[in-house]
Protein backbone atom coordinates (compact mmCIF):
# COMPACT_ATOMS: atom_id res chain seq x y z
CA MET A 1 -9.82 16.31 8.64
CA GLU A 2 -13.05 14.85 7.28
CA GLU A 3 -11.14 11.94 5.70
CA VAL A 4 -9.68 11.07 9.10
CA LYS A 5 -13.13 11.10 10.72
CA LYS A 6 -14.55 8.92 7.95
CA LYS A 7 -11.69 6.42 8.25
CA LEU A 8 -12.15 6.18 12.03
CA LYS A 9 -15.95 5.89 11.76
CA ASP A 10 -15.63 3.14 9.12
CA GLU A 11 -13.28 1.16 11.35
CA LEU A 12 -15.62 1.69 14.31
CA GLU A 13 -18.58 0.36 12.28
CA LYS A 14 -16.67 -2.80 11.33
CA LEU A 15 -15.62 -3.39 14.93
CA GLU A 16 -19.16 -2.86 16.21
CA LEU A 17 -20.44 -5.43 13.72
CA GLU A 18 -17.77 -7.89 14.84
CA LEU A 19 -18.41 -7.23 18.54
CA HIS A 20 -22.19 -7.42 18.43
CA PHE A 21 -22.80 -10.05 15.74
CA ASP A 22 -19.76 -12.13 14.78
CA LEU A 23 -18.11 -12.67 18.17
CA PRO A 24 -21.29 -13.67 20.04
CA LYS A 25 -21.82 -16.39 17.42
CA GLU A 26 -18.22 -17.58 17.85
CA ILE A 27 -18.56 -17.61 21.63
CA GLN A 28 -21.84 -19.55 21.46
CA LYS A 29 -20.32 -22.06 19.02
CA ALA A 30 -17.27 -22.49 21.28
CA ARG A 31 -19.51 -23.04 24.34
CA GLU A 32 -21.12 -25.95 22.57
CA PHE A 33 -17.76 -27.77 22.64
CA GLY A 34 -18.18 -28.31 26.36
CA ASP A 35 -15.72 -27.68 29.20
CA LEU A 36 -14.85 -23.95 29.02
CA ARG A 37 -11.72 -24.26 31.18
CA GLU A 38 -9.84 -26.06 28.43
CA ASN A 39 -11.63 -24.64 25.42
CA ALA A 40 -9.11 -22.76 23.23
CA GLU A 41 -11.77 -21.48 20.81
CA TYR A 42 -13.76 -19.98 23.68
CA LYS A 43 -10.69 -18.33 25.21
CA ALA A 44 -9.62 -16.96 21.81
CA ALA A 45 -13.08 -15.51 21.15
CA LEU A 46 -13.18 -13.84 24.58
CA GLU A 47 -9.69 -12.44 24.05
CA ARG A 48 -10.71 -11.08 20.63
CA GLN A 49 -13.83 -9.58 22.19
CA SER A 50 -11.67 -7.78 24.74
CA MET A 51 -9.29 -6.52 22.04
CA VAL A 52 -12.16 -5.26 19.87
CA SER A 53 -13.71 -3.43 22.83
CA ALA A 54 -10.38 -1.79 23.66
CA ARG A 55 -9.82 -0.71 20.05
CA MET A 56 -13.34 0.72 19.90
CA ALA A 57 -12.61 2.79 23.02
CA GLN A 58 -9.39 4.06 21.40
CA ILE A 59 -11.23 5.04 18.22
CA MET A 60 -13.97 6.86 20.15
CA GLN A 61 -11.30 8.75 22.10
CA ARG A 62 -9.48 9.63 18.88
CA LEU A 63 -12.73 10.79 17.23
CA SER A 64 -13.33 13.06 20.19
CA GLU A 65 -9.80 14.48 19.86
CA VAL A 66 -10.18 15.03 16.10
CA ASP A 67 -13.56 16.72 16.61
CA SER A 68 -12.00 19.11 19.10
CA ILE A 69 -9.38 20.42 16.65
CA ASP A 70 -10.16 24.04 15.87
CA ILE A 71 -8.52 24.97 12.57
CA THR A 72 -8.84 28.68 13.40
CA LYS A 73 -6.49 28.18 16.35
CA ILE A 74 -3.72 26.66 14.25
CA PRO A 75 -0.84 29.16 13.91
CA THR A 76 -0.51 31.09 10.66
CA ASP A 77 3.26 31.63 10.90
CA ARG A 78 4.65 28.46 12.51
CA VAL A 79 4.77 24.76 11.74
CA ALA A 80 1.60 22.98 12.89
CA TYR A 81 -0.92 20.41 11.67
CA GLY A 82 -1.48 20.78 7.91
CA SER A 83 1.75 22.65 7.23
CA GLU A 84 3.69 21.92 4.07
CA ILE A 85 7.37 22.28 4.86
CA THR A 86 10.40 22.32 2.63
CA LEU A 87 13.42 21.39 4.70
CA TYR A 88 17.04 21.87 3.81
CA ASP A 89 19.05 18.94 5.14
CA LEU A 90 22.21 20.63 6.40
CA ASP A 91 24.15 17.35 6.55
CA ARG A 92 23.22 15.98 3.13
CA ASP A 93 22.89 19.28 1.24
CA GLU A 94 19.44 18.46 -0.13
CA LYS A 95 15.85 19.68 0.11
CA ILE A 96 13.01 17.49 1.39
CA LYS A 97 9.28 18.25 1.38
CA TYR A 98 6.86 17.07 4.06
CA LYS A 99 3.29 17.72 5.05
CA LEU A 100 2.32 17.37 8.72
CA VAL A 101 -0.78 15.25 9.17
CA THR A 102 -2.52 13.17 11.84
CA SER A 103 -1.19 9.72 12.63
CA GLU A 104 -4.14 8.21 10.71
CA GLU A 105 -3.13 10.08 7.54
CA SER A 106 0.59 9.40 7.89
CA ASP A 107 2.35 8.02 4.81
CA PRO A 108 6.10 8.76 5.10
CA GLU A 109 6.87 7.26 1.68
CA ASN A 110 4.73 10.01 0.15
CA GLY A 111 5.94 12.85 2.36
CA LEU A 112 3.02 12.76 4.81
CA ILE A 113 4.46 12.67 8.31
CA SER A 114 2.61 12.62 11.57
CA THR A 115 2.74 15.53 13.97
CA VAL A 116 3.75 13.01 16.65
CA SER A 117 6.61 11.44 14.67
CA PRO A 118 10.18 12.38 15.67
CA ILE A 119 10.49 14.75 12.69
CA GLY A 120 6.99 16.15 13.23
CA GLN A 121 7.64 16.83 16.90
CA ALA A 122 10.99 18.50 16.14
CA LEU A 123 9.34 20.82 13.60
CA MET A 124 6.21 21.81 15.54
CA GLY A 125 6.20 25.50 16.43
CA LYS A 126 9.22 26.37 14.27
CA GLU A 127 9.25 29.23 11.76
CA GLU A 128 10.83 29.69 8.34
CA GLY A 129 14.59 29.96 8.79
CA ASP A 130 14.66 28.04 12.09
CA GLU A 131 16.85 25.00 12.49
CA ALA A 132 15.67 21.69 13.89
CA LYS A 133 17.63 18.72 15.18
CA VAL A 134 15.90 15.37 14.77
CA LYS A 135 16.97 12.22 16.58
CA THR A 136 16.68 9.25 14.24
CA PRO A 137 17.78 5.62 14.62
CA ASN A 138 20.80 6.52 12.45
CA GLY A 139 21.76 9.53 14.58
CA VAL A 140 20.89 13.21 14.74
CA ARG A 141 19.87 15.00 11.52
CA ASN A 142 20.02 18.77 11.15
CA PHE A 143 17.43 20.64 9.12
CA GLU A 144 16.66 24.24 8.31
CA ILE A 145 13.08 25.21 7.52
CA TYR A 146 13.55 26.56 4.02
CA ARG A 147 9.88 27.19 3.15
CA LEU A 148 6.69 26.99 5.19
CA LYS A 149 3.13 26.94 3.95
CA THR A 150 0.59 26.64 6.77
CA ILE A 151 -2.86 25.13 6.45
CA HIS A 152 -4.21 28.67 6.14
CA ASP A 153 -2.03 29.42 3.08
CA GLN A 154 -3.41 26.37 1.24
CA LYS A 155 -7.06 27.43 1.10
């Protein structure tokens, strides 16, 4: 969880620097070109300023959400954040391993899937032995939870 906070705080720092130092310089430079009604540089800088402010608000909201996660309240017997899951793909007759992480940590190529992804959502709250149906762009996939290791088992 600390890596997620650091990543968000680093991005926030960069955006603050851009918002408070870089963009004001761009806006001032664009103003010097004259008529603001037809000044593309000025409009682009104001638009970027708005986008940076919105992203900063999103990051602050996300930091608040991450700070409010209480690891002690994560289930010890069901799939939740931090769980390592071995799934048995009932349709393809193969095993797949995933770890449920936050969207910031997500890296599907390396088996790190977000709790809010279609697979993550389908698995949340399930126990070992339960089946899960996952809607994918290629159709429904059927899994059985073969092995579950919660965040508490990994300490």
